[in-house]
Amino acid sequence: MPTNFGRTGFGTKSNKRKSSGKQTAPGYKNICDSFTKKIASYKTLCGQAVGPAKVSRPSPATLNSFSKLIEKGA
């Protein structure tokens, strides 16, 4: 007589609830907001680097200096 000893078999669903990832502990809210702002800034820099306007495209050195400012929180 086979027993599972509390394990789920292949193809069976577990009854554990998964987190949606949207709940943030109060102490981490500021950190998450900071990360979100930094990500948005990096996306903006990336968009400027690959955009269609070649004349107004910043140089790699300029992009690198801006990315360092973003990292510092400027």
PDB file of N, CA and C in Angstrom:
ATOM      1  N   MET A   1       0.842  -1.180   0.000  1.00  0.00           N
ATOM      2  CA  MET A   1       0.000   0.000   0.000  1.00  0.00           C
ATOM      3  C   MET A   1       0.887   1.244   0.000  1.00  0.00           C
ATOM      4  N   PRO A   2       0.917   2.005  -1.096  1.00  0.00           N
ATOM      5  CA  PRO A   2       1.790   3.174  -1.177  1.00  0.00           C
ATOM      6  C   PRO A   2       1.274   4.332  -0.329  1.00  0.00           C
ATOM      7  N   THR A   3       2.215   5.074   0.239  1.00  0.00           N
ATOM      8  CA  THR A   3       1.874   6.276   1.006  1.00  0.00           C
ATOM      9  C   THR A   3       2.707   7.436   0.492  1.00  0.00           C
ATOM     10  N   ASN A   4       2.189   8.649   0.608  1.00  0.00           N
ATOM     11  CA  ASN A   4       2.875   9.840   0.122  1.00  0.00           C
ATOM     12  C   ASN A   4       3.709  10.534   1.184  1.00  0.00           C
ATOM     13  N   PHE A   5       3.458  10.271   2.431  1.00  0.00           N
ATOM     14  CA  PHE A   5       4.149  10.917   3.538  1.00  0.00           C
ATOM     15  C   PHE A   5       4.123  12.434   3.424  1.00  0.00           C
ATOM     16  N   GLY A   6       2.990  12.992   3.047  1.00  0.00           N
ATOM     17  CA  GLY A   6       2.804  14.439   2.986  1.00  0.00           C
ATOM     18  C   GLY A   6       3.297  15.081   1.702  1.00  0.00           C
ATOM     19  N   ARG A   7       3.805  14.299   0.781  1.00  0.00           N
ATOM     20  CA  ARG A   7       4.288  14.861  -0.480  1.00  0.00           C
ATOM     21  C   ARG A   7       3.188  14.848  -1.516  1.00  0.00           C
ATOM     22  N   THR A   8       3.279  15.786  -2.448  1.00  0.00           N
ATOM     23  CA  THR A   8       2.323  15.771  -3.549  1.00  0.00           C
ATOM     24  C   THR A   8       2.963  15.033  -4.709  1.00  0.00           C
ATOM     25  N   GLY A   9       2.171  14.322  -5.451  1.00  0.00           N
ATOM     26  CA  GLY A   9       2.690  13.582  -6.594  1.00  0.00           C
ATOM     27  C   GLY A   9       2.800  14.457  -7.818  1.00  0.00           C
ATOM     28  N   PHE A  10       3.335  13.887  -8.865  1.00  0.00           N
ATOM     29  CA  PHE A  10       3.465  14.635 -10.116  1.00  0.00           C
ATOM     30  C   PHE A  10       2.090  14.971 -10.652  1.00  0.00           C
ATOM     31  N   GLY A  11       1.922  16.213 -11.090  1.00  0.00           N
ATOM     32  CA  GLY A  11       0.670  16.632 -11.690  1.00  0.00           C
ATOM     33  C   GLY A  11      -0.426  16.975 -10.702  1.00  0.00           C
ATOM     34  N   THR A  12      -0.135  16.951  -9.422  1.00  0.00           N
ATOM     35  CA  THR A  12      -1.160  17.311  -8.440  1.00  0.00           C
ATOM     36  C   THR A  12      -0.907  18.722  -7.949  1.00  0.00           C
ATOM     37  N   LYS A  13      -1.971  19.386  -7.544  1.00  0.00           N
ATOM     38  CA  LYS A  13      -1.857  20.753  -7.061  1.00  0.00           C
ATOM     39  C   LYS A  13      -1.601  20.759  -5.566  1.00  0.00           C
ATOM     40  N   SER A  14      -0.793  21.706  -5.145  1.00  0.00           N
ATOM     41  CA  SER A  14      -0.543  21.900  -3.732  1.00  0.00           C
ATOM     42  C   SER A  14      -1.587  22.878  -3.198  1.00  0.00           C
ATOM     43  N   ASN A  15      -1.901  22.774  -1.939  1.00  0.00           N
ATOM     44  CA  ASN A  15      -2.884  23.669  -1.332  1.00  0.00           C
ATOM     45  C   ASN A  15      -2.248  24.932  -0.767  1.00  0.00           C
ATOM     46  N   LYS A  16      -0.949  25.122  -0.987  1.00  0.00           N
ATOM     47  CA  LYS A  16      -0.279  26.309  -0.468  1.00  0.00           C
ATOM     48  C   LYS A  16      -0.714  27.528  -1.260  1.00  0.00           C
ATOM     49  N   ARG A  17      -0.883  28.639  -0.550  1.00  0.00           N
ATOM     50  CA  ARG A  17      -1.267  29.886  -1.214  1.00  0.00           C
ATOM     51  C   ARG A  17      -0.012  30.584  -1.684  1.00  0.00           C
ATOM     52  N   LYS A  18      -0.060  31.096  -2.886  1.00  0.00           N
ATOM     53  CA  LYS A  18       1.065  31.828  -3.437  1.00  0.00           C
ATOM     54  C   LYS A  18       0.812  33.316  -3.272  1.00  0.00           C
ATOM     55  N   SER A  19       1.885  34.041  -2.992  1.00  0.00           N
ATOM     56  CA  SER A  19       1.788  35.487  -2.847  1.00  0.00           C
ATOM     57  C   SER A  19       1.699  36.136  -4.224  1.00  0.00           C
ATOM     58  N   SER A  20       0.893  37.169  -4.315  1.00  0.00           N
ATOM     59  CA  SER A  20       0.757  37.876  -5.577  1.00  0.00           C
ATOM     60  C   SER A  20       1.929  38.821  -5.817  1.00  0.00           C
ATOM     61  N   GLY A  21       2.752  39.061  -4.791  1.00  0.00           N
ATOM     62  CA  GLY A  21       3.900  39.942  -4.931  1.00  0.00           C
ATOM     63  C   GLY A  21       3.555  41.408  -4.786  1.00  0.00           C
ATOM     64  N   LYS A  22       2.308  41.750  -4.573  1.00  0.00           N
ATOM     65  CA  LYS A  22       1.902  43.151  -4.487  1.00  0.00           C
ATOM     66  C   LYS A  22       1.865  43.661  -3.054  1.00  0.00           C
ATOM     67  N   GLN A  23       1.926  42.777  -2.090  1.00  0.00           N
ATOM     68  CA  GLN A  23       1.908  43.213  -0.706  1.00  0.00           C
ATOM     69  C   GLN A  23       3.344  43.460  -0.263  1.00  0.00           C
ATOM     70  N   THR A  24       3.588  44.634   0.305  1.00  0.00           N
ATOM     71  CA  THR A  24       4.913  45.000   0.753  1.00  0.00           C
ATOM     72  C   THR A  24       4.855  45.347   2.227  1.00  0.00           C
ATOM     73  N   ALA A  25       5.824  44.841   2.959  1.00  0.00           N
ATOM     74  CA  ALA A  25       5.908  45.172   4.380  1.00  0.00           C
ATOM     75  C   ALA A  25       6.153  46.676   4.505  1.00  0.00           C
ATOM     76  N   PRO A  26       5.585  47.311   5.520  1.00  0.00           N
ATOM     77  CA  PRO A  26       5.683  48.766   5.645  1.00  0.00           C
ATOM     78  C   PRO A  26       7.121  49.296   5.636  1.00  0.00           C
ATOM     79  N   GLY A  27       8.055  48.588   6.236  1.00  0.00           N
ATOM     80  CA  GLY A  27       9.434  49.055   6.285  1.00  0.00           C
ATOM     81  C   GLY A  27      10.134  49.040   4.938  1.00  0.00           C
ATOM     82  N   TYR A  28       9.612  48.282   3.987  1.00  0.00           N
ATOM     83  CA  TYR A  28      10.254  48.142   2.694  1.00  0.00           C
ATOM     84  C   TYR A  28       9.611  49.004   1.612  1.00  0.00           C
ATOM     85  N   LYS A  29       8.540  49.699   1.933  1.00  0.00           N
ATOM     86  CA  LYS A  29       7.836  50.495   0.932  1.00  0.00           C
ATOM     87  C   LYS A  29       8.731  51.563   0.316  1.00  0.00           C
ATOM     88  N   ASN A  30       9.486  52.277   1.136  1.00  0.00           N
ATOM     89  CA  ASN A  30      10.367  53.328   0.615  1.00  0.00           C
ATOM     90  C   ASN A  30      11.446  52.745  -0.284  1.00  0.00           C
ATOM     91  N   ILE A  31      11.971  51.591   0.097  1.00  0.00           N
ATOM     92  CA  ILE A  31      13.011  50.950  -0.707  1.00  0.00           C
ATOM     93  C   ILE A  31      12.437  50.524  -2.051  1.00  0.00           C
ATOM     94  N   CYS A  32      11.259  49.935  -2.045  1.00  0.00           N
ATOM     95  CA  CYS A  32      10.622  49.509  -3.296  1.00  0.00           C
ATOM     96  C   CYS A  32      10.303  50.704  -4.177  1.00  0.00           C
ATOM     97  N   ASP A  33       9.853  51.787  -3.585  1.00  0.00           N
ATOM     98  CA  ASP A  33       9.581  52.998  -4.359  1.00  0.00           C
ATOM     99  C   ASP A  33      10.861  53.540  -4.994  1.00  0.00           C
ATOM    100  N   SER A  34      11.954  53.487  -4.242  1.00  0.00           N
ATOM    101  CA  SER A  34      13.241  53.939  -4.762  1.00  0.00           C
ATOM    102  C   SER A  34      13.690  53.082  -5.941  1.00  0.00           C
ATOM    103  N   PHE A  35      13.546  51.766  -5.813  1.00  0.00           N
ATOM    104  CA  PHE A  35      13.905  50.866  -6.916  1.00  0.00           C
ATOM    105  C   PHE A  35      13.050  51.141  -8.147  1.00  0.00           C
ATOM    106  N   THR A  36      11.768  51.363  -7.935  1.00  0.00           N
ATOM    107  CA  THR A  36      10.858  51.623  -9.050  1.00  0.00           C
ATOM    108  C   THR A  36      11.254  52.900  -9.787  1.00  0.00           C
ATOM    109  N   LYS A  37      11.620  53.934  -9.047  1.00  0.00           N
ATOM    110  CA  LYS A  37      12.041  55.190  -9.662  1.00  0.00           C
ATOM    111  C   LYS A  37      13.353  55.015 -10.423  1.00  0.00           C
ATOM    112  N   LYS A  38      14.290  54.251  -9.845  1.00  0.00           N
ATOM    113  CA  LYS A  38      15.561  54.014 -10.525  1.00  0.00           C
ATOM    114  C   LYS A  38      15.353  53.233 -11.815  1.00  0.00           C
ATOM    115  N   ILE A  39      14.505  52.234 -11.761  1.00  0.00           N
ATOM    116  CA  ILE A  39      14.228  51.429 -12.959  1.00  0.00           C
ATOM    117  C   ILE A  39      13.629  52.313 -14.046  1.00  0.00           C
ATOM    118  N   ALA A  40      12.699  53.172 -13.670  1.00  0.00           N
ATOM    119  CA  ALA A  40      12.088  54.074 -14.653  1.00  0.00           C
ATOM    120  C   ALA A  40      13.138  55.013 -15.261  1.00  0.00           C
ATOM    121  N   SER A  41      14.073  55.479 -14.441  1.00  0.00           N
ATOM    122  CA  SER A  41      15.122  56.360 -14.947  1.00  0.00           C
ATOM    123  C   SER A  41      16.045  55.621 -15.906  1.00  0.00           C
ATOM    124  N   TYR A  42      16.402  54.384 -15.565  1.00  0.00           N
ATOM    125  CA  TYR A  42      17.252  53.588 -16.457  1.00  0.00           C
ATOM    126  C   TYR A  42      16.535  53.303 -17.782  1.00  0.00           C
ATOM    127  N   LYS A  43      15.238  53.052 -17.719  1.00  0.00           N
ATOM    128  CA  LYS A  43      14.472  52.820 -18.947  1.00  0.00           C
ATOM    129  C   LYS A  43      14.451  54.069 -19.819  1.00  0.00           C
ATOM    130  N   THR A  44      14.369  55.238 -19.189  1.00  0.00           N
ATOM    131  CA  THR A  44      14.390  56.494 -19.941  1.00  0.00           C
ATOM    132  C   THR A  44      15.732  56.671 -20.644  1.00  0.00           C
ATOM    133  N   LEU A  45      16.829  56.399 -19.915  1.00  0.00           N
ATOM    134  CA  LEU A  45      18.155  56.503 -20.531  1.00  0.00           C
ATOM    135  C   LEU A  45      18.302  55.531 -21.689  1.00  0.00           C
ATOM    136  N   CYS A  46      17.820  54.329 -21.502  1.00  0.00           N
ATOM    137  CA  CYS A  46      17.903  53.326 -22.558  1.00  0.00           C
ATOM    138  C   CYS A  46      17.087  53.758 -23.769  1.00  0.00           C
ATOM    139  N   GLY A  47      15.927  54.321 -23.537  1.00  0.00           N
ATOM    140  CA  GLY A  47      15.089  54.803 -24.625  1.00  0.00           C
ATOM    141  C   GLY A  47      15.753  55.922 -25.408  1.00  0.00           C
ATOM    142  N   GLN A  48      16.499  56.779 -24.710  1.00  0.00           N
ATOM    143  CA  GLN A  48      17.209  57.855 -25.387  1.00  0.00           C
ATOM    144  C   GLN A  48      18.382  57.322 -26.201  1.00  0.00           C
ATOM    145  N   ALA A  49      18.967  56.223 -25.746  1.00  0.00           N
ATOM    146  CA  ALA A  49      20.124  55.656 -26.441  1.00  0.00           C
ATOM    147  C   ALA A  49      19.728  54.929 -27.721  1.00  0.00           C
ATOM    148  N   VAL A  50      18.538  54.370 -27.764  1.00  0.00           N
ATOM    149  CA  VAL A  50      18.124  53.592 -28.936  1.00  0.00           C
ATOM    150  C   VAL A  50      17.013  54.272 -29.723  1.00  0.00           C
ATOM    151  N   GLY A  51      16.704  55.495 -29.374  1.00  0.00           N
ATOM    152  CA  GLY A  51      15.638  56.223 -30.059  1.00  0.00           C
ATOM    153  C   GLY A  51      15.986  56.543 -31.498  1.00  0.00           C
ATOM    154  N   PRO A  52      14.999  57.008 -32.262  1.00  0.00           N
ATOM    155  CA  PRO A  52      15.202  57.261 -33.684  1.00  0.00           C
ATOM    156  C   PRO A  52      16.005  58.536 -33.990  1.00  0.00           C
ATOM    157  N   ALA A  53      16.085  59.466 -33.070  1.00  0.00           N
ATOM    158  CA  ALA A  53      16.764  60.743 -33.326  1.00  0.00           C
ATOM    159  C   ALA A  53      18.261  60.602 -33.077  1.00  0.00           C
ATOM    160  N   LYS A  54      19.037  60.391 -34.140  1.00  0.00           N
ATOM    161  CA  LYS A  54      20.477  60.188 -33.999  1.00  0.00           C
ATOM    162  C   LYS A  54      21.202  61.466 -33.608  1.00  0.00           C
ATOM    163  N   VAL A  55      20.686  62.614 -33.997  1.00  0.00           N
ATOM    164  CA  VAL A  55      21.354  63.888 -33.729  1.00  0.00           C
ATOM    165  C   VAL A  55      21.345  64.200 -32.236  1.00  0.00           C
ATOM    166  N   SER A  56      20.230  63.956 -31.567  1.00  0.00           N
ATOM    167  CA  SER A  56      20.129  64.317 -30.153  1.00  0.00           C
ATOM    168  C   SER A  56      20.439  63.138 -29.222  1.00  0.00           C
ATOM    169  N   ARG A  57      20.955  62.050 -29.760  1.00  0.00           N
ATOM    170  CA  ARG A  57      21.280  60.886 -28.946  1.00  0.00           C
ATOM    171  C   ARG A  57      22.513  61.190 -28.093  1.00  0.00           C
ATOM    172  N   PRO A  58      22.440  60.934 -26.770  1.00  0.00           N
ATOM    173  CA  PRO A  58      23.601  61.201 -25.906  1.00  0.00           C
ATOM    174  C   PRO A  58      24.733  60.207 -26.185  1.00  0.00           C
ATOM    175  N   SER A  59      25.947  60.648 -25.884  1.00  0.00           N
ATOM    176  CA  SER A  59      27.109  59.786 -26.102  1.00  0.00           C
ATOM    177  C   SER A  59      27.137  58.692 -25.027  1.00  0.00           C
ATOM    178  N   PRO A  60      27.864  57.610 -25.268  1.00  0.00           N
ATOM    179  CA  PRO A  60      27.988  56.563 -24.242  1.00  0.00           C
ATOM    180  C   PRO A  60      28.573  57.092 -22.932  1.00  0.00           C
ATOM    181  N   ALA A  61      29.513  58.030 -23.016  1.00  0.00           N
ATOM    182  CA  ALA A  61      30.094  58.602 -21.799  1.00  0.00           C
ATOM    183  C   ALA A  61      29.045  59.372 -20.999  1.00  0.00           C
ATOM    184  N   THR A  62      28.192  60.111 -21.698  1.00  0.00           N
ATOM    185  CA  THR A  62      27.123  60.860 -21.021  1.00  0.00           C
ATOM    186  C   THR A  62      26.137  59.912 -20.364  1.00  0.00           C
ATOM    187  N   LEU A  63      25.759  58.867 -21.086  1.00  0.00           N
ATOM    188  CA  LEU A  63      24.836  57.884 -20.514  1.00  0.00           C
ATOM    189  C   LEU A  63      25.436  57.209 -19.283  1.00  0.00           C
ATOM    190  N   ASN A  64      26.721  56.922 -19.353  1.00  0.00           N
ATOM    191  CA  ASN A  64      27.385  56.282 -18.217  1.00  0.00           C
ATOM    192  C   ASN A  64      27.406  57.211 -17.008  1.00  0.00           C
ATOM    193  N   SER A  65      27.676  58.483 -17.215  1.00  0.00           N
ATOM    194  CA  SER A  65      27.693  59.420 -16.084  1.00  0.00           C
ATOM    195  C   SER A  65      26.291  59.598 -15.505  1.00  0.00           C
ATOM    196  N   PHE A  66      25.283  59.634 -16.367  1.00  0.00           N
ATOM    197  CA  PHE A  66      23.903  59.729 -15.873  1.00  0.00           C
ATOM    198  C   PHE A  66      23.513  58.478 -15.087  1.00  0.00           C
ATOM    199  N   SER A  67      23.945  57.313 -15.552  1.00  0.00           N
ATOM    200  CA  SER A  67      23.597  56.089 -14.831  1.00  0.00           C
ATOM    201  C   SER A  67      24.254  56.053 -13.451  1.00  0.00           C
ATOM    202  N   LYS A  68      25.453  56.626 -13.351  1.00  0.00           N
ATOM    203  CA  LYS A  68      26.106  56.703 -12.035  1.00  0.00           C
ATOM    204  C   LYS A  68      25.345  57.639 -11.107  1.00  0.00           C
ATOM    205  N   LEU A  69      24.815  58.737 -11.669  1.00  0.00           N
ATOM    206  CA  LEU A  69      24.007  59.653 -10.844  1.00  0.00           C
ATOM    207  C   LEU A  69      22.719  58.967 -10.369  1.00  0.00           C
ATOM    208  N   ILE A  70      22.113  58.175 -11.231  1.00  0.00           N
ATOM    209  CA  ILE A  70      20.901  57.450 -10.842  1.00  0.00           C
ATOM    210  C   ILE A  70      21.222  56.477  -9.711  1.00  0.00           C
ATOM    211  N   GLU A  71      22.345  55.783  -9.835  1.00  0.00           N
ATOM    212  CA  GLU A  71      22.740  54.827  -8.802  1.00  0.00           C
ATOM    213  C   GLU A  71      22.934  55.501  -7.453  1.00  0.00           C
ATOM    214  N   LYS A  72      23.456  56.732  -7.482  1.00  0.00           N
ATOM    215  CA  LYS A  72      23.663  57.481  -6.239  1.00  0.00           C
ATOM    216  C   LYS A  72      22.368  58.042  -5.688  1.00  0.00           C
ATOM    217  N   GLY A  73      21.305  58.020  -6.475  1.00  0.00           N
ATOM    218  CA  GLY A  73      20.014  58.509  -6.009  1.00  0.00           C
ATOM    219  C   GLY A  73      19.706  59.934  -6.395  1.00  0.00           C
ATOM    220  N   ALA A  74      20.468  60.467  -7.317  1.00  0.00           N
ATOM    221  CA  ALA A  74      20.244  61.847  -7.750  1.00  0.00           C
ATOM    222  C   ALA A  74      19.006  61.960  -8.616  1.00  0.00           C
TER     223      ALA A  74
END
